[in-house]
């Protein structure tokens, strides 16, 4: 339940087509239970020495290729290391981020991709921390093509440390920057609590037309998927449907942002609060 600083800044980013990092593979399978193992399969080979025969359940694996009714348009496995401060340079063709110095939703955090984002061990790493009295956060976004900006399927594999005072609100935000066009957030929640999801009502975005609490911890690896189609929003966690609605569903183009910030309606985090959010992979599909 957070809106984007784009609305306050009244700035728009130019559209840049996303690229697919890997070609057609087998679609991911829906499964019943989450896994805490971290394993990926890239072009038929397990990454980082993992044994294919003992890899984690299919929902955790890098989802190469199309799915029934969906055409894959973006895939990122963070294979190239990027030291802190260099992520946006090394990944500039595929990723952007909220600008340095923008304030987050609460006003207590400062967006600083140069201080927060890096890629190591095949993960995008957010180092949430303070320097002096400033709490630094980041909101990177994949440069997905227009085909997946008005309806799409969006999946991310992630975990986080239990860092007090920080949260995620990974959202679909209107390209119009008008909150009245709606907002879709999944996963959302304080990192010390459980994973939630929301779909804000069109024309009355302070109300939620869908609100769910999965009961799952941010400290375990999970795959969160949002399916947004004409007249319906559906959330999946680890392959299981955890919420759906047909009420007041957004219908205008949206951008997908991994908005990571300080807790809303609270004091600034303690200056010694420090920890990581990790993203294993990101994938997006357009309607076929």
C-alpha atoms as a PDB file:
ATOM      1  CA  UNK A   1       0.000   0.000   0.000  1.00  0.00           C
ATOM      2  CA  UNK A   2       2.550   2.512  -1.186  1.00  0.00           C
ATOM      3  CA  UNK A   3       2.591   4.793  -4.115  1.00  0.00           C
ATOM      4  CA  UNK A   4       5.496   5.672  -6.334  1.00  0.00           C
ATOM      5  CA  UNK A   5       7.628   8.815  -6.012  1.00  0.00           C
ATOM      6  CA  UNK A   6       6.967   9.324  -9.712  1.00  0.00           C
ATOM      7  CA  UNK A   7       3.611  10.728  -8.679  1.00  0.00           C
ATOM      8  CA  UNK A   8       5.264  13.318  -6.461  1.00  0.00           C
ATOM      9  CA  UNK A   9       8.127  14.113  -8.809  1.00  0.00           C
ATOM     10  CA  UNK A  10       5.860  14.242 -11.869  1.00  0.00           C
ATOM     11  CA  UNK A  11       8.633  12.737 -13.941  1.00  0.00           C
ATOM     12  CA  UNK A  12       8.348  10.058 -16.604  1.00  0.00           C
ATOM     13  CA  UNK A  13      10.981   7.696 -17.916  1.00  0.00           C
ATOM     14  CA  UNK A  14      11.287   6.931 -21.586  1.00  0.00           C
ATOM     15  CA  UNK A  15      10.270   3.457 -22.685  1.00  0.00           C
ATOM     16  CA  UNK A  16      13.111   1.114 -23.499  1.00  0.00           C
ATOM     17  CA  UNK A  17      12.358  -2.358 -24.781  1.00  0.00           C
ATOM     18  CA  UNK A  18      13.423  -5.164 -22.457  1.00  0.00           C
ATOM     19  CA  UNK A  19      15.445  -8.066 -23.762  1.00  0.00           C
ATOM     20  CA  UNK A  20      15.100 -11.781 -23.206  1.00  0.00           C
ATOM     21  CA  UNK A  21      18.246 -13.165 -21.634  1.00  0.00           C
ATOM     22  CA  UNK A  22      17.624 -16.774 -22.614  1.00  0.00           C
ATOM     23  CA  UNK A  23      15.566 -18.463 -25.267  1.00  0.00           C
ATOM     24  CA  UNK A  24      12.780 -21.005 -25.186  1.00  0.00           C
ATOM     25  CA  UNK A  25      12.843 -23.634 -22.460  1.00  0.00           C
ATOM     26  CA  UNK A  26      10.377 -25.646 -20.437  1.00  0.00           C
ATOM     27  CA  UNK A  27       7.683 -23.748 -18.540  1.00  0.00           C
ATOM     28  CA  UNK A  28       7.789 -23.695 -14.770  1.00  0.00           C
ATOM     29  CA  UNK A  29       5.383 -26.006 -12.955  1.00  0.00           C
ATOM     30  CA  UNK A  30       2.984 -24.975 -10.234  1.00  0.00           C
ATOM     31  CA  UNK A  31       3.734 -26.850  -7.018  1.00  0.00           C
ATOM     32  CA  UNK A  32       2.246 -27.128  -3.580  1.00  0.00           C
ATOM     33  CA  UNK A  33       5.099 -26.307  -1.208  1.00  0.00           C
ATOM     34  CA  UNK A  34       7.813 -23.636  -1.156  1.00  0.00           C
ATOM     35  CA  UNK A  35      11.484 -24.500  -1.079  1.00  0.00           C
ATOM     36  CA  UNK A  36      14.272 -22.851   0.862  1.00  0.00           C
ATOM     37  CA  UNK A  37      16.902 -24.246  -1.503  1.00  0.00           C
ATOM     38  CA  UNK A  38      18.480 -21.851  -3.993  1.00  0.00           C
ATOM     39  CA  UNK A  39      19.020 -23.474  -7.369  1.00  0.00           C
ATOM     40  CA  UNK A  40      18.700 -22.387 -10.958  1.00  0.00           C
ATOM     41  CA  UNK A  41      18.809 -24.185 -14.275  1.00  0.00           C
ATOM     42  CA  UNK A  42      20.114 -22.180 -17.227  1.00  0.00           C
ATOM     43  CA  UNK A  43      19.884 -23.653 -20.716  1.00  0.00           C
ATOM     44  CA  UNK A  44      19.731 -27.154 -19.260  1.00  0.00           C
ATOM     45  CA  UNK A  45      22.716 -26.789 -16.907  1.00  0.00           C
ATOM     46  CA  UNK A  46      22.590 -26.189 -13.183  1.00  0.00           C
ATOM     47  CA  UNK A  47      24.252 -22.929 -12.219  1.00  0.00           C
ATOM     48  CA  UNK A  48      27.060 -22.559  -9.676  1.00  0.00           C
ATOM     49  CA  UNK A  49      27.790 -26.267  -9.540  1.00  0.00           C
ATOM     50  CA  UNK A  50      24.339 -27.363  -8.356  1.00  0.00           C
ATOM     51  CA  UNK A  51      23.368 -30.946  -9.092  1.00  0.00           C
ATOM     52  CA  UNK A  52      20.487 -31.021 -11.565  1.00  0.00           C
ATOM     53  CA  UNK A  53      19.218 -34.272 -10.047  1.00  0.00           C
ATOM     54  CA  UNK A  54      18.886 -32.641  -6.620  1.00  0.00           C
ATOM     55  CA  UNK A  55      17.854 -29.119  -7.608  1.00  0.00           C
ATOM     56  CA  UNK A  56      14.937 -27.472  -5.818  1.00  0.00           C
ATOM     57  CA  UNK A  57      11.368 -27.803  -6.978  1.00  0.00           C
ATOM     58  CA  UNK A  58      10.462 -26.565 -10.439  1.00  0.00           C
ATOM     59  CA  UNK A  59       8.834 -23.351  -9.279  1.00  0.00           C
ATOM     60  CA  UNK A  60      12.186 -22.102  -7.948  1.00  0.00           C
ATOM     61  CA  UNK A  61      14.047 -22.669 -11.186  1.00  0.00           C
ATOM     62  CA  UNK A  62      14.794 -19.973 -13.730  1.00  0.00           C
ATOM     63  CA  UNK A  63      11.655 -20.011 -15.935  1.00  0.00           C
ATOM     64  CA  UNK A  64      13.012 -20.182 -19.472  1.00  0.00           C
ATOM     65  CA  UNK A  65      10.508 -19.625 -22.273  1.00  0.00           C
ATOM     66  CA  UNK A  66       6.828 -19.229 -22.933  1.00  0.00           C
ATOM     67  CA  UNK A  67       3.936 -20.530 -20.845  1.00  0.00           C
ATOM     68  CA  UNK A  68       0.459 -21.463 -22.077  1.00  0.00           C
ATOM     69  CA  UNK A  69      -1.174 -18.169 -23.065  1.00  0.00           C
ATOM     70  CA  UNK A  70       1.951 -16.166 -22.210  1.00  0.00           C
ATOM     71  CA  UNK A  71       4.951 -15.066 -24.302  1.00  0.00           C
ATOM     72  CA  UNK A  72       8.148 -14.421 -22.383  1.00  0.00           C
ATOM     73  CA  UNK A  73       9.510 -10.917 -22.988  1.00  0.00           C
ATOM     74  CA  UNK A  74      12.062 -10.441 -20.188  1.00  0.00           C
ATOM     75  CA  UNK A  75      14.359 -12.713 -18.201  1.00  0.00           C
ATOM     76  CA  UNK A  76      17.183 -11.798 -15.849  1.00  0.00           C
ATOM     77  CA  UNK A  77      19.423 -14.197 -13.936  1.00  0.00           C
ATOM     78  CA  UNK A  78      22.041 -11.654 -12.751  1.00  0.00           C
ATOM     79  CA  UNK A  79      24.891 -13.682 -14.179  1.00  0.00           C
ATOM     80  CA  UNK A  80      27.320 -10.755 -14.444  1.00  0.00           C
ATOM     81  CA  UNK A  81      28.811  -9.438 -11.180  1.00  0.00           C
ATOM     82  CA  UNK A  82      28.404  -5.722 -10.473  1.00  0.00           C
ATOM     83  CA  UNK A  83      30.123  -4.003  -7.544  1.00  0.00           C
ATOM     84  CA  UNK A  84      28.068  -1.593  -5.474  1.00  0.00           C
ATOM     85  CA  UNK A  85      27.884   1.666  -7.403  1.00  0.00           C
ATOM     86  CA  UNK A  86      28.189   0.004 -10.822  1.00  0.00           C
ATOM     87  CA  UNK A  87      24.905  -1.903 -11.183  1.00  0.00           C
ATOM     88  CA  UNK A  88      23.186   0.711 -13.344  1.00  0.00           C
ATOM     89  CA  UNK A  89      26.206   0.984 -15.612  1.00  0.00           C
ATOM     90  CA  UNK A  90      26.744  -2.750 -16.118  1.00  0.00           C
ATOM     91  CA  UNK A  91      23.021  -3.524 -16.414  1.00  0.00           C
ATOM     92  CA  UNK A  92      21.964  -0.257 -18.106  1.00  0.00           C
ATOM     93  CA  UNK A  93      20.445  -1.967 -21.163  1.00  0.00           C
ATOM     94  CA  UNK A  94      18.032  -3.973 -19.033  1.00  0.00           C
ATOM     95  CA  UNK A  95      17.528  -2.059 -15.771  1.00  0.00           C
ATOM     96  CA  UNK A  96      16.842   1.409 -14.450  1.00  0.00           C
ATOM     97  CA  UNK A  97      16.136   2.711 -10.937  1.00  0.00           C
ATOM     98  CA  UNK A  98      14.561   5.596  -9.088  1.00  0.00           C
ATOM     99  CA  UNK A  99      16.914   8.543  -9.186  1.00  0.00           C
ATOM    100  CA  UNK A 100      19.575   9.278  -6.603  1.00  0.00           C
ATOM    101  CA  UNK A 101      18.202  11.524  -3.878  1.00  0.00           C
ATOM    102  CA  UNK A 102      14.501  10.887  -4.384  1.00  0.00           C
ATOM    103  CA  UNK A 103      12.658  10.373  -1.089  1.00  0.00           C
ATOM    104  CA  UNK A 104      10.685   7.202  -0.494  1.00  0.00           C
ATOM    105  CA  UNK A 105       6.992   6.941   0.420  1.00  0.00           C
ATOM    106  CA  UNK A 106       7.501   7.627   4.131  1.00  0.00           C
ATOM    107  CA  UNK A 107       9.959  10.443   3.487  1.00  0.00           C
ATOM    108  CA  UNK A 108      12.415   8.780   5.883  1.00  0.00           C
ATOM    109  CA  UNK A 109      14.388   6.928   3.224  1.00  0.00           C
ATOM    110  CA  UNK A 110      16.541   8.207   0.388  1.00  0.00           C
ATOM    111  CA  UNK A 111      16.793   6.316  -2.885  1.00  0.00           C
ATOM    112  CA  UNK A 112      20.443   5.650  -3.695  1.00  0.00           C
ATOM    113  CA  UNK A 113      21.053   2.793  -6.129  1.00  0.00           C
ATOM    114  CA  UNK A 114      24.773   3.583  -6.042  1.00  0.00           C
ATOM    115  CA  UNK A 115      24.952   2.863  -2.291  1.00  0.00           C
ATOM    116  CA  UNK A 116      22.477  -0.008  -2.180  1.00  0.00           C
ATOM    117  CA  UNK A 117      22.573  -2.191  -5.324  1.00  0.00           C
ATOM    118  CA  UNK A 118      25.159  -4.751  -6.388  1.00  0.00           C
ATOM    119  CA  UNK A 119      25.225  -8.170  -8.034  1.00  0.00           C
ATOM    120  CA  UNK A 120      27.149 -11.003  -6.423  1.00  0.00           C
ATOM    121  CA  UNK A 121      26.831 -14.792  -6.360  1.00  0.00           C
ATOM    122  CA  UNK A 122      24.177 -14.558  -9.065  1.00  0.00           C
ATOM    123  CA  UNK A 123      21.844 -12.364  -6.989  1.00  0.00           C
ATOM    124  CA  UNK A 124      20.812  -8.737  -7.134  1.00  0.00           C
ATOM    125  CA  UNK A 125      21.649  -7.516  -3.627  1.00  0.00           C
ATOM    126  CA  UNK A 126      20.052  -4.573  -1.823  1.00  0.00           C
ATOM    127  CA  UNK A 127      22.149  -3.402   1.131  1.00  0.00           C
ATOM    128  CA  UNK A 128      19.668  -1.543   3.317  1.00  0.00           C
ATOM    129  CA  UNK A 129      21.578   0.684   5.729  1.00  0.00           C
ATOM    130  CA  UNK A 130      22.136   4.169   7.105  1.00  0.00           C
ATOM    131  CA  UNK A 131      25.067   6.507   6.739  1.00  0.00           C
ATOM    132  CA  UNK A 132      25.144   9.226   9.359  1.00  0.00           C
ATOM    133  CA  UNK A 133      21.413   9.919   9.768  1.00  0.00           C
ATOM    134  CA  UNK A 134      20.263   8.940   6.244  1.00  0.00           C
ATOM    135  CA  UNK A 135      18.540   5.623   5.529  1.00  0.00           C
ATOM    136  CA  UNK A 136      19.369   4.401   2.029  1.00  0.00           C
ATOM    137  CA  UNK A 137      17.025   2.325  -0.123  1.00  0.00           C
ATOM    138  CA  UNK A 138      16.598   1.505  -3.822  1.00  0.00           C
ATOM    139  CA  UNK A 139      13.888   0.814  -6.392  1.00  0.00           C
ATOM    140  CA  UNK A 140      15.262  -0.848  -9.529  1.00  0.00           C
ATOM    141  CA  UNK A 141      12.963  -1.685 -12.422  1.00  0.00           C
ATOM    142  CA  UNK A 142      13.339  -4.033 -15.388  1.00  0.00           C
ATOM    143  CA  UNK A 143      13.001  -2.363 -18.771  1.00  0.00           C
ATOM    144  CA  UNK A 144      10.199  -4.578 -19.984  1.00  0.00           C
ATOM    145  CA  UNK A 145       8.742  -3.964 -23.466  1.00  0.00           C
ATOM    146  CA  UNK A 146       5.423  -2.229 -24.019  1.00  0.00           C
ATOM    147  CA  UNK A 147       3.729  -5.568 -24.730  1.00  0.00           C
ATOM    148  CA  UNK A 148       3.924  -6.396 -21.003  1.00  0.00           C
ATOM    149  CA  UNK A 149       2.950  -2.966 -19.698  1.00  0.00           C
ATOM    150  CA  UNK A 150      -0.771  -3.386 -20.269  1.00  0.00           C
ATOM    151  CA  UNK A 151      -1.522  -6.805 -18.833  1.00  0.00           C
ATOM    152  CA  UNK A 152       1.213  -9.313 -18.140  1.00  0.00           C
ATOM    153  CA  UNK A 153       2.688 -11.958 -15.886  1.00  0.00           C
ATOM    154  CA  UNK A 154       5.511 -10.944 -13.538  1.00  0.00           C
ATOM    155  CA  UNK A 155       7.607 -13.313 -11.397  1.00  0.00           C
ATOM    156  CA  UNK A 156      10.487 -12.759  -9.000  1.00  0.00           C
ATOM    157  CA  UNK A 157      12.448 -15.089  -6.728  1.00  0.00           C
ATOM    158  CA  UNK A 158      13.605 -13.358  -3.550  1.00  0.00           C
ATOM    159  CA  UNK A 159      14.373 -13.398   0.156  1.00  0.00           C
ATOM    160  CA  UNK A 160      15.260 -10.774   2.769  1.00  0.00           C
ATOM    161  CA  UNK A 161      16.892 -10.381   6.141  1.00  0.00           C
ATOM    162  CA  UNK A 162      14.608  -9.302   8.986  1.00  0.00           C
ATOM    163  CA  UNK A 163      15.699  -5.659   8.932  1.00  0.00           C
ATOM    164  CA  UNK A 164      13.589  -3.566  11.286  1.00  0.00           C
ATOM    165  CA  UNK A 165      12.202  -0.363   9.787  1.00  0.00           C
ATOM    166  CA  UNK A 166      12.366  -1.452   6.128  1.00  0.00           C
ATOM    167  CA  UNK A 167       9.838  -2.971   3.726  1.00  0.00           C
ATOM    168  CA  UNK A 168       9.207  -3.887   0.117  1.00  0.00           C
ATOM    169  CA  UNK A 169       6.363  -2.749  -2.106  1.00  0.00           C
ATOM    170  CA  UNK A 170       7.160  -4.367  -5.438  1.00  0.00           C
ATOM    171  CA  UNK A 171       4.486  -2.900  -7.598  1.00  0.00           C
ATOM    172  CA  UNK A 172       2.865  -2.233 -10.913  1.00  0.00           C
ATOM    173  CA  UNK A 173       2.532   1.543 -11.063  1.00  0.00           C
ATOM    174  CA  UNK A 174       0.597   3.519 -13.737  1.00  0.00           C
ATOM    175  CA  UNK A 175       2.656   4.920 -16.600  1.00  0.00           C
ATOM    176  CA  UNK A 176       0.358   7.937 -16.311  1.00  0.00           C
ATOM    177  CA  UNK A 177       1.697   8.519 -12.771  1.00  0.00           C
ATOM    178  CA  UNK A 178      -1.942   8.967 -11.740  1.00  0.00           C
ATOM    179  CA  UNK A 179      -2.626   6.901  -8.615  1.00  0.00           C
ATOM    180  CA  UNK A 180      -6.315   6.956  -9.541  1.00  0.00           C
ATOM    181  CA  UNK A 181      -5.468   4.540 -12.388  1.00  0.00           C
ATOM    182  CA  UNK A 182      -4.782   1.902  -9.736  1.00  0.00           C
ATOM    183  CA  UNK A 183      -1.795   0.094  -8.244  1.00  0.00           C
ATOM    184  CA  UNK A 184      -0.897  -3.579  -7.798  1.00  0.00           C
ATOM    185  CA  UNK A 185       1.578  -4.618  -5.049  1.00  0.00           C
ATOM    186  CA  UNK A 186       3.003  -8.124  -4.603  1.00  0.00           C
ATOM    187  CA  UNK A 187       5.034  -8.904  -2.631  1.00  0.00           C
ATOM    188  CA  UNK A 188       4.551  -6.127  -0.092  1.00  0.00           C
ATOM    189  CA  UNK A 189       5.310  -5.947   3.602  1.00  0.00           C
ATOM    190  CA  UNK A 190       7.683  -5.104   6.427  1.00  0.00           C
ATOM    191  CA  UNK A 191      10.730  -7.343   6.297  1.00  0.00           C
ATOM    192  CA  UNK A 192      10.150  -8.433   9.903  1.00  0.00           C
ATOM    193  CA  UNK A 193       6.574  -9.496   9.179  1.00  0.00           C
ATOM    194  CA  UNK A 194       4.808 -11.629   6.552  1.00  0.00           C
ATOM    195  CA  UNK A 195       4.383 -11.299   2.783  1.00  0.00           C
ATOM    196  CA  UNK A 196       1.220  -9.481   1.738  1.00  0.00           C
ATOM    197  CA  UNK A 197      -0.380  -8.365  -1.517  1.00  0.00           C
ATOM    198  CA  UNK A 198      -2.798  -5.631  -2.582  1.00  0.00           C
ATOM    199  CA  UNK A 199      -4.699  -4.399  -5.614  1.00  0.00           C
ATOM    200  CA  UNK A 200      -5.800  -0.788  -5.156  1.00  0.00           C
ATOM    201  CA  UNK A 201      -9.184   0.175  -6.569  1.00  0.00           C
ATOM    202  CA  UNK A 202      -9.284   2.310  -9.690  1.00  0.00           C
ATOM    203  CA  UNK A 203     -10.532   5.877  -8.978  1.00  0.00           C
ATOM    204  CA  UNK A 204     -10.349   5.281  -5.209  1.00  0.00           C
ATOM    205  CA  UNK A 205      -6.819   3.960  -4.708  1.00  0.00           C
ATOM    206  CA  UNK A 206      -6.800   4.447  -0.933  1.00  0.00           C
ATOM    207  CA  UNK A 207      -9.159   1.446  -0.879  1.00  0.00           C
ATOM    208  CA  UNK A 208      -7.997  -2.091  -1.596  1.00  0.00           C
ATOM    209  CA  UNK A 209     -10.095  -4.220  -3.918  1.00  0.00           C
ATOM    210  CA  UNK A 210      -7.852  -7.144  -2.946  1.00  0.00           C
ATOM    211  CA  UNK A 211      -5.771  -7.565   0.179  1.00  0.00           C
ATOM    212  CA  UNK A 212      -4.073 -10.801   1.222  1.00  0.00           C
ATOM    213  CA  UNK A 213      -1.640 -11.982   3.878  1.00  0.00           C
ATOM    214  CA  UNK A 214       0.214 -15.144   2.843  1.00  0.00           C
ATOM    215  CA  UNK A 215       1.595 -15.802   6.315  1.00  0.00           C
ATOM    216  CA  UNK A 216       4.974 -16.526   4.690  1.00  0.00           C
ATOM    217  CA  UNK A 217       8.238 -15.095   5.990  1.00  0.00           C
ATOM    218  CA  UNK A 218      10.541 -12.884   3.944  1.00  0.00           C
ATOM    219  CA  UNK A 219      13.483 -14.793   5.416  1.00  0.00           C
ATOM    220  CA  UNK A 220      12.887 -17.842   3.208  1.00  0.00           C
ATOM    221  CA  UNK A 221      13.293 -18.010  -0.569  1.00  0.00           C
ATOM    222  CA  UNK A 222       9.978 -17.509  -2.383  1.00  0.00           C
ATOM    223  CA  UNK A 223       8.655 -16.950  -5.886  1.00  0.00           C
ATOM    224  CA  UNK A 224       5.981 -14.258  -6.122  1.00  0.00           C
ATOM    225  CA  UNK A 225       3.958 -14.022  -9.334  1.00  0.00           C
ATOM    226  CA  UNK A 226       1.372 -11.465 -10.365  1.00  0.00           C
ATOM    227  CA  UNK A 227      -0.940 -12.232 -13.282  1.00  0.00           C
ATOM    228  CA  UNK A 228      -2.754  -9.159 -14.556  1.00  0.00           C
ATOM    229  CA  UNK A 229      -5.296  -9.658 -17.317  1.00  0.00           C
ATOM    230  CA  UNK A 230      -8.315  -7.715 -18.550  1.00  0.00           C
ATOM    231  CA  UNK A 231     -10.655  -7.650 -15.549  1.00  0.00           C
ATOM    232  CA  UNK A 232      -8.616  -9.847 -13.183  1.00  0.00           C
ATOM    233  CA  UNK A 233      -5.589  -9.719 -10.871  1.00  0.00           C
ATOM    234  CA  UNK A 234      -4.207 -12.960  -9.402  1.00  0.00           C
ATOM    235  CA  UNK A 235      -1.331 -13.525  -6.971  1.00  0.00           C
ATOM    236  CA  UNK A 236       0.681 -16.756  -6.676  1.00  0.00           C
ATOM    237  CA  UNK A 237       3.294 -17.604  -4.050  1.00  0.00           C
ATOM    238  CA  UNK A 238       5.541 -20.579  -4.770  1.00  0.00           C
ATOM    239  CA  UNK A 239       3.142 -21.777  -7.445  1.00  0.00           C
ATOM    240  CA  UNK A 240       0.008 -21.631  -5.298  1.00  0.00           C
ATOM    241  CA  UNK A 241      -2.762 -19.108  -5.873  1.00  0.00           C
ATOM    242  CA  UNK A 242      -3.064 -16.920  -2.780  1.00  0.00           C
ATOM    243  CA  UNK A 243      -5.520 -14.276  -3.994  1.00  0.00           C
ATOM    244  CA  UNK A 244      -7.557 -13.094  -6.959  1.00  0.00           C
ATOM    245  CA  UNK A 245     -10.048 -10.342  -7.737  1.00  0.00           C
ATOM    246  CA  UNK A 246     -12.185  -9.035 -10.579  1.00  0.00           C
ATOM    247  CA  UNK A 247     -13.097  -5.837  -8.723  1.00  0.00           C
ATOM    248  CA  UNK A 248     -11.973  -2.522 -10.185  1.00  0.00           C
ATOM    249  CA  UNK A 249      -8.942  -3.941 -11.991  1.00  0.00           C
ATOM    250  CA  UNK A 250      -6.491  -1.456 -13.550  1.00  0.00           C
ATOM    251  CA  UNK A 251      -6.610  -1.260 -17.336  1.00  0.00           C
ATOM    252  CA  UNK A 252      -3.972   1.315 -18.285  1.00  0.00           C
ATOM    253  CA  UNK A 253      -0.257   0.657 -18.957  1.00  0.00           C
ATOM    254  CA  UNK A 254       1.923   0.142 -15.892  1.00  0.00           C
ATOM    255  CA  UNK A 255       5.606  -0.167 -15.057  1.00  0.00           C
ATOM    256  CA  UNK A 256       6.985  -2.884 -12.779  1.00  0.00           C
ATOM    257  CA  UNK A 257       9.245  -1.640  -9.956  1.00  0.00           C
ATOM    258  CA  UNK A 258      11.040  -3.497  -7.138  1.00  0.00           C
ATOM    259  CA  UNK A 259      10.375  -0.613  -4.752  1.00  0.00           C
ATOM    260  CA  UNK A 260      12.289  -1.221  -1.523  1.00  0.00           C
ATOM    261  CA  UNK A 261      11.930   1.444   1.144  1.00  0.00           C
ATOM    262  CA  UNK A 262      11.539   2.429   4.772  1.00  0.00           C
ATOM    263  CA  UNK A 263       8.440   1.545   6.747  1.00  0.00           C
ATOM    264  CA  UNK A 264       5.429   3.802   6.140  1.00  0.00           C
ATOM    265  CA  UNK A 265       3.762   5.724   8.982  1.00  0.00           C
ATOM    266  CA  UNK A 266       6.686   5.167  11.319  1.00  0.00           C
ATOM    267  CA  UNK A 267       9.854   6.820  12.536  1.00  0.00           C
ATOM    268  CA  UNK A 268      13.039   6.448  10.526  1.00  0.00           C
ATOM    269  CA  UNK A 269      14.879   3.142  11.018  1.00  0.00           C
ATOM    270  CA  UNK A 270      17.537   2.974  13.694  1.00  0.00           C
ATOM    271  CA  UNK A 271      20.882   3.922  12.234  1.00  0.00           C
ATOM    272  CA  UNK A 272      22.309   0.515  13.150  1.00  0.00           C
ATOM    273  CA  UNK A 273      19.564  -1.365  11.251  1.00  0.00           C
ATOM    274  CA  UNK A 274      21.313  -3.105   8.388  1.00  0.00           C
ATOM    275  CA  UNK A 275      20.649  -6.105   6.141  1.00  0.00           C
ATOM    276  CA  UNK A 276      20.010  -7.451   2.683  1.00  0.00           C
ATOM    277  CA  UNK A 277      17.234  -8.145   0.226  1.00  0.00           C
ATOM    278  CA  UNK A 278      18.291 -10.665  -2.443  1.00  0.00           C
ATOM    279  CA  UNK A 279      16.745 -11.313  -5.861  1.00  0.00           C
ATOM    280  CA  UNK A 280      17.675 -14.529  -7.654  1.00  0.00           C
ATOM    281  CA  UNK A 281      15.839 -13.939 -10.924  1.00  0.00           C
ATOM    282  CA  UNK A 282      13.157 -11.803 -12.566  1.00  0.00           C
ATOM    283  CA  UNK A 283      10.886 -12.784 -15.460  1.00  0.00           C
ATOM    284  CA  UNK A 284       7.990 -11.196 -17.354  1.00  0.00           C
ATOM    285  CA  UNK A 285       5.522 -12.381 -19.963  1.00  0.00           C
ATOM    286  CA  UNK A 286       3.022 -10.672 -22.260  1.00  0.00           C
ATOM    287  CA  UNK A 287      -0.308 -12.139 -23.299  1.00  0.00           C
ATOM    288  CA  UNK A 288       0.184 -14.463 -26.252  1.00  0.00           C
END
